[in-house]
Amino acid sequence: MNDFYHNYPQLPPQPEPEKKPAKSGKMKSFLSTISAGVIGSALTLAAVNYTDIGSSIDKQAPTQESSGSPTANLVPASTVSSTEKGTVADMVEKASKAIVGIVNLQQQNNPFGDTQGIVERGSGSGVIFKKDGNKAYIVTNNHVIENAEKLEVSFYDGKNAPAEVVGADALTDLAVIKVDAKYVDQTLDFADSSTLRPGDEVFAIGNPLGQDLSRTVTRGIVSAINRSIDVNTSAGEWKLDVIQTDAAINPGNSGGALINTAGQLVGINSLKISDRGVEGLGFAIPSNNVVPIVNEMIKNGKVERPYLGVSLADYDQIHPAFLQDLPKGVDSGTMVTFVQPGSGADKAGVQKQDLIVAINGEKVENSADLRRYMYSSAKAGDKVKLKIYRNGKERTIEVTLTGNSVTS
C-alpha cells in the first residue's frame, strides 16, 4: 500500500458539525502567488492534451553507473556565447536536431463499449541526451507519457519511430524513454544549472500546440532561480524546484529543452502560469535536478524512495471527535489512518489515530510536509524520529524506513 493514501478511521455516530464556507481558490495577489507557491487553475502543465492524461528533486550528485551502463552527466556550463562560435541560428539549428515530438496514444472506447482503437490523447516534447549502442535515450515530462499504451516519437527530419518507457516518476514529473539509435544524429549535454543567474539568456525549444509547430524556438532570460512551486501530481502533492524564465512556454512545450547560449541543456520545460493579465511566467526543472533522477531510472527503471508504511489524513480533514484530547496549540499535523503490517512504522509501534506533528525536529503540518522531508532528506534504512500525539499525550517514536518506489 502506498504511503499517504487517505483512509479514514470509522467514527461513532456524531452530530453533524457546523459547515464552514468553502475557502476561495483565487490568488490574493500576484506576489502572494509566487511566494506561497503556484496554486489552482493558474498552474498549467505545458502539454497538449486532447483529454486529461494526468498532471510535475532530489539534489544530489549524479548516480554512478557500472561500466557499460548509459548515464547522463553534467558538464561545466560554457561561458562562450553562440555569437563567438557562430550565430544564434547556427546554435539553435544544431540543438533542435536533439528535440523530438512525443505523441501519447491510448485506447479509445465509445459509450457502448465498442473499441475504437488507439487514438492520440496528447502530445509534448522530449530531448535526446544519450546515444548508447543501438539505443538512444530521451528525457521528457512524466505527464507527457503518463497512461500511454503506445508512444510515437517524431524527429527533426520528419521520421517517426515507436518508443519504450525506461522509467517514469510522477512526483518529479520526469520520464525517460528510448528509441532505436538509427534515428538519432544529435544529442544535448546537460550543463551545470547551478551556475545560472537571473538575466542569463536562454532559449526554449519544443512543439507548442502539437507537432505542426515542431521545434519552435523562443528567446528570453532566466527570470529567477531556486523557485519552489506546489504542484498536484498523480502520486500526490509535491514541491517542485524550478527555474523561472520569460521565454515563452506553451502547451506542447512540456519535456522540451531550455538551453543556454552555448546550446547546452540547463532545464526541462515543464509548466507555466496561465491566468488573465499574467505573461512570461514559465518554469523548467533544473538540469542538476534532472540528472540524478534520469540516471536512477536508467539503472533501476524507477525512483526508489523511503517508505514509512502508513496511510494518512491531514488535520483539517479529521473529524473533531478525534481531536478533542489534543493540547491547546496543536492545530496541525497528519493522522495515521492505517499501518501496513510488517512495515517500519508497524515494527516501531506506530498506531492508528496517532497524530504526527514533526519528523526529526522538523514541523509537519500535513502529509505533504512529511513526504517532502522523507523524499529529500532521508533514504531507505535511515532511522527517523516522529513526534506524535496519542490519546492527547506527546510521544517520540523512532522508525527505520524501508524502500518503496513511487511511480506514475
Protein backbone atom coordinates (compact mmCIF):
# COMPACT_ATOMS: atom_id res chain seq x y z
CA MET A 1 0.00 0.00 0.00
CA ASN A 2 1.30 3.42 -0.91
CA ASP A 3 2.10 5.93 1.83
CA PHE A 4 -0.23 8.89 2.28
CA TYR A 5 -3.38 7.21 0.96
CA HIS A 6 -6.35 8.69 2.80
CA ASN A 7 -8.33 6.00 4.61
CA TYR A 8 -10.32 7.45 7.47
CA PRO A 9 -10.97 5.65 10.78
CA GLN A 10 -14.57 4.59 11.43
CA LEU A 11 -16.46 7.11 13.54
CA PRO A 12 -19.09 6.54 16.21
CA PRO A 13 -22.38 8.37 15.46
CA GLN A 14 -21.74 12.08 15.84
CA PRO A 15 -23.85 15.19 15.36
CA GLU A 16 -23.16 16.98 12.12
CA PRO A 17 -20.52 19.70 12.70
CA GLU A 18 -21.30 23.23 11.65
CA LYS A 19 -20.46 23.69 8.00
CA LYS A 20 -17.92 26.36 7.21
CA PRO A 21 -17.97 28.31 3.97
CA ALA A 22 -15.56 26.91 1.40
CA LYS A 23 -12.32 28.79 1.00
CA SER A 24 -11.81 30.70 -2.20
CA GLY A 25 -9.29 29.16 -4.58
CA LYS A 26 -8.37 32.52 -6.13
CA MET A 27 -4.97 34.03 -5.62
CA LYS A 28 -4.97 37.10 -3.37
CA SER A 29 -2.32 38.82 -5.43
CA PHE A 30 0.36 38.18 -7.98
CA LEU A 31 3.15 38.46 -5.39
CA SER A 32 1.46 36.13 -2.89
CA THR A 33 1.08 33.53 -5.64
CA ILE A 34 4.82 33.38 -6.20
CA SER A 35 5.82 33.47 -2.52
CA ALA A 36 3.31 30.86 -1.40
CA GLY A 37 3.58 28.54 -4.37
CA VAL A 38 1.51 28.49 -7.54
CA ILE A 39 -1.99 27.16 -6.89
CA GLY A 40 -5.31 26.47 -8.56
CA SER A 41 -6.03 26.93 -12.23
CA ALA A 42 -3.16 29.39 -12.66
CA LEU A 43 -0.75 26.47 -12.98
CA THR A 44 -0.68 24.84 -16.42
CA LEU A 45 1.42 21.84 -17.34
CA ALA A 46 2.75 22.70 -20.75
CA ALA A 47 1.47 19.72 -22.70
CA VAL A 48 -1.18 19.46 -25.40
CA ASN A 49 -3.95 17.25 -24.00
CA TYR A 50 -6.90 16.09 -26.06
CA THR A 51 -8.28 14.53 -22.90
CA ASP A 52 -6.85 14.81 -19.42
CA ILE A 53 -3.83 12.49 -19.28
CA GLY A 54 -2.72 13.45 -15.79
CA SER A 55 -0.98 16.26 -14.18
CA SER A 56 5.47 17.56 -12.25
CA ILE A 57 14.02 16.83 -6.78
CA ASP A 58 16.30 15.43 -5.20
CA LYS A 59 19.51 17.49 -5.12
CA GLN A 60 22.34 15.00 -5.16
CA ALA A 61 25.38 14.08 -7.19
CA PRO A 62 24.76 12.10 -10.38
CA THR A 63 24.40 8.39 -9.78
CA GLN A 64 27.49 6.39 -10.74
CA GLU A 65 26.66 3.51 -13.02
CA SER A 66 28.51 0.29 -13.56
CA SER A 67 30.79 0.09 -16.57
CA GLY A 68 28.92 -0.14 -19.84
CA SER A 69 25.68 1.30 -18.47
CA PRO A 70 24.49 4.52 -20.14
CA THR A 71 24.45 7.60 -17.90
CA ALA A 72 23.67 11.28 -18.16
CA ASN A 73 26.45 13.55 -16.94
CA LEU A 74 26.68 17.21 -16.07
CA VAL A 75 29.29 19.24 -17.92
CA PRO A 76 30.52 22.72 -16.98
CA ALA A 77 28.27 25.41 -18.39
CA SER A 78 30.04 27.18 -21.21
CA THR A 79 30.66 30.90 -20.85
CA VAL A 80 31.30 31.22 -24.56
CA SER A 81 28.32 32.75 -26.32
CA SER A 82 26.96 31.31 -29.54
CA THR A 83 27.89 34.50 -31.37
CA GLU A 84 31.57 33.85 -30.62
CA LYS A 85 31.37 30.32 -32.02
CA GLY A 86 28.83 31.13 -34.75
CA THR A 87 25.42 32.72 -34.97
CA VAL A 88 22.48 32.08 -32.67
CA ALA A 89 20.77 30.46 -35.65
CA ASP A 90 23.71 28.04 -36.04
CA MET A 91 23.47 27.04 -32.38
CA VAL A 92 19.70 26.63 -32.49
CA GLU A 93 19.83 24.63 -35.72
CA LYS A 94 22.23 22.14 -34.16
CA ALA A 95 20.39 21.90 -30.82
CA SER A 96 16.98 21.49 -32.50
CA LYS A 97 18.09 18.18 -34.02
CA ALA A 98 18.05 16.73 -30.49
CA ILE A 99 14.47 17.86 -29.82
CA VAL A 100 11.68 15.40 -30.57
CA GLY A 101 7.91 15.38 -30.56
CA ILE A 102 6.17 12.75 -28.44
CA VAL A 103 2.62 11.54 -29.09
CA ASN A 104 0.70 9.77 -26.32
CA LEU A 105 -1.56 7.07 -27.79
CA GLN A 106 -4.32 5.41 -25.79
CA GLN A 107 -7.21 3.06 -26.38
CA GLN A 108 -10.46 4.84 -27.26
CA ASN A 109 -13.82 3.37 -26.23
CA ASN A 110 -17.28 4.66 -27.14
CA PRO A 111 -20.11 4.83 -24.56
CA PHE A 112 -21.48 1.46 -25.73
CA GLY A 113 -18.21 -0.34 -25.00
CA ASP A 114 -17.16 -0.92 -28.61
CA THR A 115 -13.45 -0.43 -29.11
CA GLN A 116 -12.49 2.49 -31.36
CA GLY A 117 -8.80 1.64 -31.50
CA ILE A 118 -5.68 3.55 -30.50
CA VAL A 119 -6.02 7.33 -30.74
CA GLU A 120 -3.88 10.34 -29.89
CA ARG A 121 -4.59 11.60 -26.37
CA GLY A 122 -1.89 14.23 -26.04
CA SER A 123 1.49 15.37 -27.20
CA GLY A 124 4.62 17.02 -25.87
CA SER A 125 8.33 17.33 -26.41
CA GLY A 126 11.49 15.50 -25.43
CA VAL A 127 15.27 15.89 -25.50
CA ILE A 128 17.72 13.26 -26.76
CA PHE A 129 20.53 13.22 -24.21
CA LYS A 130 22.30 9.90 -24.75
CA LYS A 131 23.12 7.53 -27.58
CA ASP A 132 24.39 4.16 -26.40
CA GLY A 133 24.87 1.25 -28.78
CA ASN A 134 21.65 0.64 -30.68
CA LYS A 135 19.52 2.69 -28.26
CA ALA A 136 19.05 6.42 -27.76
CA TYR A 137 17.60 7.92 -24.57
CA ILE A 138 15.12 10.79 -24.36
CA VAL A 139 14.09 12.77 -21.27
CA THR A 140 10.61 14.28 -21.08
CA ASN A 141 7.91 15.08 -18.52
CA ASN A 142 6.00 12.29 -16.86
CA HIS A 143 2.68 13.96 -17.67
CA VAL A 144 3.53 13.79 -21.39
CA ILE A 145 3.75 9.98 -21.39
CA GLU A 146 1.50 9.10 -18.43
CA ASN A 147 -1.10 6.38 -19.11
CA ALA A 148 0.14 5.88 -22.67
CA GLU A 149 -0.42 2.48 -24.27
CA LYS A 150 1.88 3.41 -27.12
CA LEU A 151 4.35 6.23 -27.69
CA GLU A 152 5.39 7.65 -31.03
CA VAL A 153 8.41 9.93 -31.44
CA SER A 154 8.91 12.34 -34.34
CA PHE A 155 12.40 13.55 -35.30
CA TYR A 156 13.69 16.74 -36.93
CA ASP A 157 13.95 15.07 -40.35
CA GLY A 158 10.29 14.03 -40.37
CA LYS A 159 10.85 10.38 -39.45
CA ASN A 160 8.73 8.67 -36.80
CA ALA A 161 9.52 5.75 -34.53
CA PRO A 162 7.92 3.87 -31.63
CA ALA A 163 9.35 4.46 -28.16
CA GLU A 164 9.55 2.40 -24.99
CA VAL A 165 9.32 3.76 -21.44
CA VAL A 166 12.51 3.22 -19.42
CA GLY A 167 11.25 4.83 -16.23
CA ALA A 168 8.81 7.48 -15.04
CA ASP A 169 8.31 9.42 -11.83
CA ALA A 170 5.13 11.41 -11.20
CA LEU A 171 6.41 13.43 -8.24
CA THR A 172 9.33 15.00 -10.11
CA ASP A 173 7.37 14.97 -13.40
CA LEU A 174 10.24 13.31 -15.23
CA ALA A 175 10.39 10.30 -17.52
CA VAL A 176 12.94 8.57 -19.75
CA ILE A 177 12.02 6.78 -22.96
CA LYS A 178 14.21 5.05 -25.52
CA VAL A 179 14.20 4.65 -29.29
CA ASP A 180 16.29 2.93 -31.92
CA ALA A 181 19.57 4.86 -32.22
CA LYS A 182 19.47 4.76 -36.03
CA TYR A 183 17.07 7.72 -35.98
CA VAL A 184 19.39 9.90 -33.88
CA ASP A 185 22.06 12.27 -35.21
CA GLN A 186 22.36 14.76 -32.35
CA THR A 187 22.28 14.74 -28.53
CA LEU A 188 22.38 17.57 -26.00
CA ASP A 189 24.70 17.78 -22.98
CA PHE A 190 23.35 18.64 -19.53
CA ALA A 191 25.07 21.79 -18.27
CA ASP A 192 25.55 22.74 -14.62
CA SER A 193 22.37 24.71 -13.86
CA SER A 194 23.76 25.94 -10.53
CA THR A 195 25.81 28.50 -12.46
CA LEU A 196 22.70 30.21 -13.86
CA ARG A 197 21.95 33.75 -12.76
CA PRO A 198 18.91 35.97 -13.30
CA GLY A 199 19.45 37.80 -16.55
CA ASP A 200 21.26 34.96 -18.33
CA GLU A 201 19.95 34.47 -21.86
CA VAL A 202 18.13 31.21 -22.56
CA PHE A 203 16.17 29.59 -25.39
CA ALA A 204 13.17 27.24 -25.16
CA ILE A 205 12.78 24.67 -27.94
CA GLY A 206 9.74 22.42 -28.24
CA ASN A 207 6.48 21.70 -30.00
CA PRO A 208 3.87 24.24 -28.85
CA LEU A 209 0.29 23.26 -29.67
CA GLY A 210 1.37 19.98 -31.24
CA GLN A 211 3.54 18.59 -34.00
CA ASP A 212 2.52 21.14 -36.64
CA LEU A 213 4.69 23.74 -34.88
CA SER A 214 7.55 21.38 -34.05
CA ARG A 215 10.91 22.68 -32.84
CA THR A 216 9.65 26.21 -32.27
CA VAL A 217 12.29 28.43 -30.64
CA THR A 218 11.53 31.20 -28.14
CA ARG A 219 14.08 33.50 -26.57
CA GLY A 220 14.21 35.03 -23.11
CA ILE A 221 16.18 35.32 -19.91
CA VAL A 222 16.40 33.49 -16.62
CA SER A 223 13.91 35.47 -14.54
CA ALA A 224 14.73 33.75 -11.23
CA ILE A 225 16.42 30.65 -9.85
CA ASN A 226 15.58 28.41 -6.89
CA ARG A 227 11.84 28.88 -7.21
CA SER A 228 9.72 26.30 -5.35
CA ILE A 229 6.21 25.58 -6.62
CA ASP A 230 3.48 23.41 -5.12
CA VAL A 231 2.01 21.03 -7.70
CA ASN A 232 -0.56 18.25 -7.63
CA THR A 233 0.60 15.05 -9.29
CA SER A 234 -0.91 11.61 -9.76
CA ALA A 235 1.33 10.47 -6.87
CA GLY A 236 0.27 13.25 -4.51
CA GLU A 237 1.28 16.81 -3.70
CA TRP A 238 4.88 17.82 -4.25
CA LYS A 239 7.05 20.92 -4.12
CA LEU A 240 8.89 21.26 -7.43
CA ASP A 241 12.17 23.20 -7.64
CA VAL A 242 12.27 25.18 -10.88
CA ILE A 243 13.99 27.84 -12.96
CA GLN A 244 11.69 30.74 -13.85
CA THR A 245 12.01 32.15 -17.36
CA ASP A 246 10.17 34.59 -19.61
CA ALA A 247 10.95 32.52 -22.71
CA ALA A 248 7.51 31.53 -23.99
CA ILE A 249 6.49 28.02 -22.87
CA ASN A 250 3.16 26.92 -24.33
CA PRO A 251 1.11 23.70 -24.26
CA GLY A 252 3.17 21.13 -26.15
CA ASN A 253 6.49 22.50 -24.87
CA SER A 254 6.43 20.06 -21.94
CA GLY A 255 9.58 17.99 -21.87
CA GLY A 256 11.38 20.30 -24.28
CA ALA A 257 14.74 21.97 -23.80
CA LEU A 258 15.74 25.14 -22.03
CA ILE A 259 19.26 25.81 -23.32
CA ASN A 260 21.95 28.38 -22.70
CA THR A 261 23.73 30.43 -25.38
CA ALA A 262 26.23 27.60 -25.92
CA GLY A 263 23.44 25.18 -26.82
CA GLN A 264 23.70 23.20 -23.57
CA LEU A 265 20.70 21.84 -21.70
CA VAL A 266 20.07 23.75 -18.45
CA GLY A 267 16.47 22.72 -17.85
CA ILE A 268 13.46 20.67 -18.95
CA ASN A 269 10.47 22.90 -19.69
CA SER A 270 7.53 21.78 -17.60
CA LEU A 271 4.85 24.34 -16.74
CA LYS A 272 3.68 27.93 -16.88
CA ILE A 273 1.28 30.30 -15.15
CA SER A 274 -1.79 30.77 -17.30
CA ASP A 275 -4.08 33.45 -15.96
CA ARG A 276 -5.62 36.72 -17.09
CA GLY A 277 -3.08 39.52 -17.03
CA VAL A 278 -0.12 37.18 -16.48
CA GLU A 279 2.58 36.85 -19.12
CA GLY A 280 6.11 35.50 -19.30
CA LEU A 281 5.99 33.12 -16.33
CA GLY A 282 7.33 29.77 -17.47
CA PHE A 283 9.18 27.17 -15.43
CA ALA A 284 11.77 24.48 -16.15
CA ILE A 285 13.19 21.69 -14.00
CA PRO A 286 16.93 22.45 -13.49
CA SER A 287 19.39 20.08 -15.15
CA ASN A 288 21.15 19.44 -11.83
CA ASN A 289 17.87 18.01 -10.53
CA VAL A 290 17.15 16.07 -13.70
CA VAL A 291 20.44 14.15 -13.98
CA PRO A 292 20.26 12.03 -10.76
CA ILE A 293 16.61 11.13 -11.41
CA VAL A 294 17.33 10.20 -15.03
CA ASN A 295 20.30 8.05 -14.03
CA GLU A 296 18.27 6.22 -11.40
CA MET A 297 15.55 5.49 -13.95
CA ILE A 298 18.08 4.12 -16.43
CA LYS A 299 19.69 1.99 -13.74
CA ASN A 300 16.60 0.72 -11.89
CA GLY A 301 13.62 1.56 -14.10
CA LYS A 302 12.11 3.54 -11.23
CA VAL A 303 12.89 6.01 -8.46
CA GLU A 304 13.33 4.39 -5.07
CA ARG A 305 12.15 6.41 -2.05
CA PRO A 306 11.97 5.76 1.69
CA TYR A 307 8.74 4.16 2.89
CA LEU A 308 7.11 4.70 6.27
CA GLY A 309 4.24 2.25 5.85
CA VAL A 310 1.17 4.29 6.81
CA SER A 311 -1.93 5.90 5.34
CA LEU A 312 -2.65 9.44 6.48
CA ALA A 313 -5.37 12.07 6.77
CA ASP A 314 -4.47 15.72 7.34
CA TYR A 315 -5.58 17.71 10.39
CA ASP A 316 -8.14 19.84 8.56
CA GLN A 317 -9.78 16.70 7.15
CA ILE A 318 -10.17 14.91 10.51
CA HIS A 319 -13.49 14.80 12.36
CA PRO A 320 -13.36 16.91 15.56
CA ALA A 321 -14.17 13.82 17.62
CA PHE A 322 -10.64 12.56 17.01
CA LEU A 323 -9.00 15.86 18.00
CA GLN A 324 -10.75 16.70 21.26
CA ASP A 325 -7.96 15.31 23.51
CA LEU A 326 -5.18 17.35 21.91
CA PRO A 327 -3.46 20.06 23.98
CA LYS A 328 -4.25 23.66 23.11
CA GLY A 329 -1.95 24.99 20.41
CA VAL A 330 -1.81 21.73 18.47
CA ASP A 331 -3.69 22.75 15.35
CA SER A 332 -1.90 20.92 12.53
CA GLY A 333 -0.35 17.58 11.67
CA THR A 334 -1.33 14.41 9.85
CA MET A 335 -3.15 11.45 11.40
CA VAL A 336 -2.35 7.78 10.83
CA THR A 337 -5.43 6.00 9.46
CA PHE A 338 -3.77 2.69 8.62
CA VAL A 339 -0.48 0.95 9.45
CA GLN A 340 0.91 -1.51 6.91
CA PRO A 341 1.64 -4.81 8.70
CA GLY A 342 5.38 -5.56 8.76
CA SER A 343 6.36 -2.02 7.76
CA GLY A 344 8.86 0.13 9.60
CA ALA A 345 6.02 2.05 11.24
CA ASP A 346 4.37 -1.18 12.39
CA LYS A 347 7.60 -2.54 13.88
CA ALA A 348 8.24 0.75 15.70
CA GLY A 349 4.79 0.74 17.31
CA VAL A 350 3.05 3.47 15.34
CA GLN A 351 -0.69 3.12 15.80
CA LYS A 352 -3.88 4.13 14.03
CA GLN A 353 -5.04 7.63 15.10
CA ASP A 354 -1.51 8.77 16.05
CA LEU A 355 -1.16 12.43 15.03
CA ILE A 356 2.30 13.10 13.53
CA VAL A 357 3.40 16.71 14.15
CA ALA A 358 7.17 16.55 13.50
CA ILE A 359 9.89 14.40 11.93
CA ASN A 360 13.48 14.72 13.14
CA GLY A 361 12.56 18.05 14.72
CA GLU A 362 11.01 19.45 11.51
CA LYS A 363 7.39 20.56 11.89
CA VAL A 364 4.82 18.52 9.97
CA GLU A 365 1.64 20.44 9.18
CA ASN A 366 0.30 17.91 6.68
CA SER A 367 1.16 14.74 4.80
CA ALA A 368 2.88 16.76 2.06
CA ASP A 369 5.37 18.13 4.62
CA LEU A 370 6.12 14.61 5.81
CA ARG A 371 6.58 13.35 2.26
CA ARG A 372 8.86 16.23 1.28
CA TYR A 373 11.13 15.68 4.27
CA MET A 374 11.37 11.94 3.73
CA TYR A 375 11.99 12.14 0.00
CA SER A 376 14.55 14.96 0.15
CA SER A 377 16.34 14.36 3.48
CA ALA A 378 16.11 10.62 4.15
CA LYS A 379 16.68 7.30 2.44
CA ALA A 380 15.75 3.66 2.91
CA GLY A 381 17.49 2.28 6.01
CA ASP A 382 17.57 5.62 7.86
CA LYS A 383 16.10 5.97 11.33
CA VAL A 384 13.76 8.94 11.80
CA LYS A 385 12.15 10.27 14.97
CA LEU A 386 8.43 11.01 14.77
CA LYS A 387 6.86 13.35 17.29
CA ILE A 388 3.27 12.23 17.73
CA TYR A 389 0.23 12.73 19.94
CA ARG A 390 -1.62 9.62 21.12
CA ASN A 391 -4.67 9.98 23.33
CA GLY A 392 -3.66 13.59 23.91
CA LYS A 393 -0.16 12.76 25.13
CA GLU A 394 3.10 13.59 23.34
CA ARG A 395 5.43 10.74 22.37
CA THR A 396 8.54 10.23 20.26
CA ILE A 397 8.83 7.08 18.14
CA GLU A 398 11.93 6.04 16.19
CA VAL A 399 11.13 4.36 12.86
CA THR A 400 13.50 2.62 10.45
CA LEU A 401 12.47 3.50 6.90
CA THR A 402 12.26 0.81 4.26
CA GLY A 403 12.41 1.17 0.46
CA ASN A 404 9.45 1.67 -1.81
CA SER A 405 9.10 3.14 -5.31
CA VAL A 406 6.59 5.83 -6.20
CA THR A 407 5.85 5.68 -9.93
CA SER A 408 3.31 7.14 -12.30
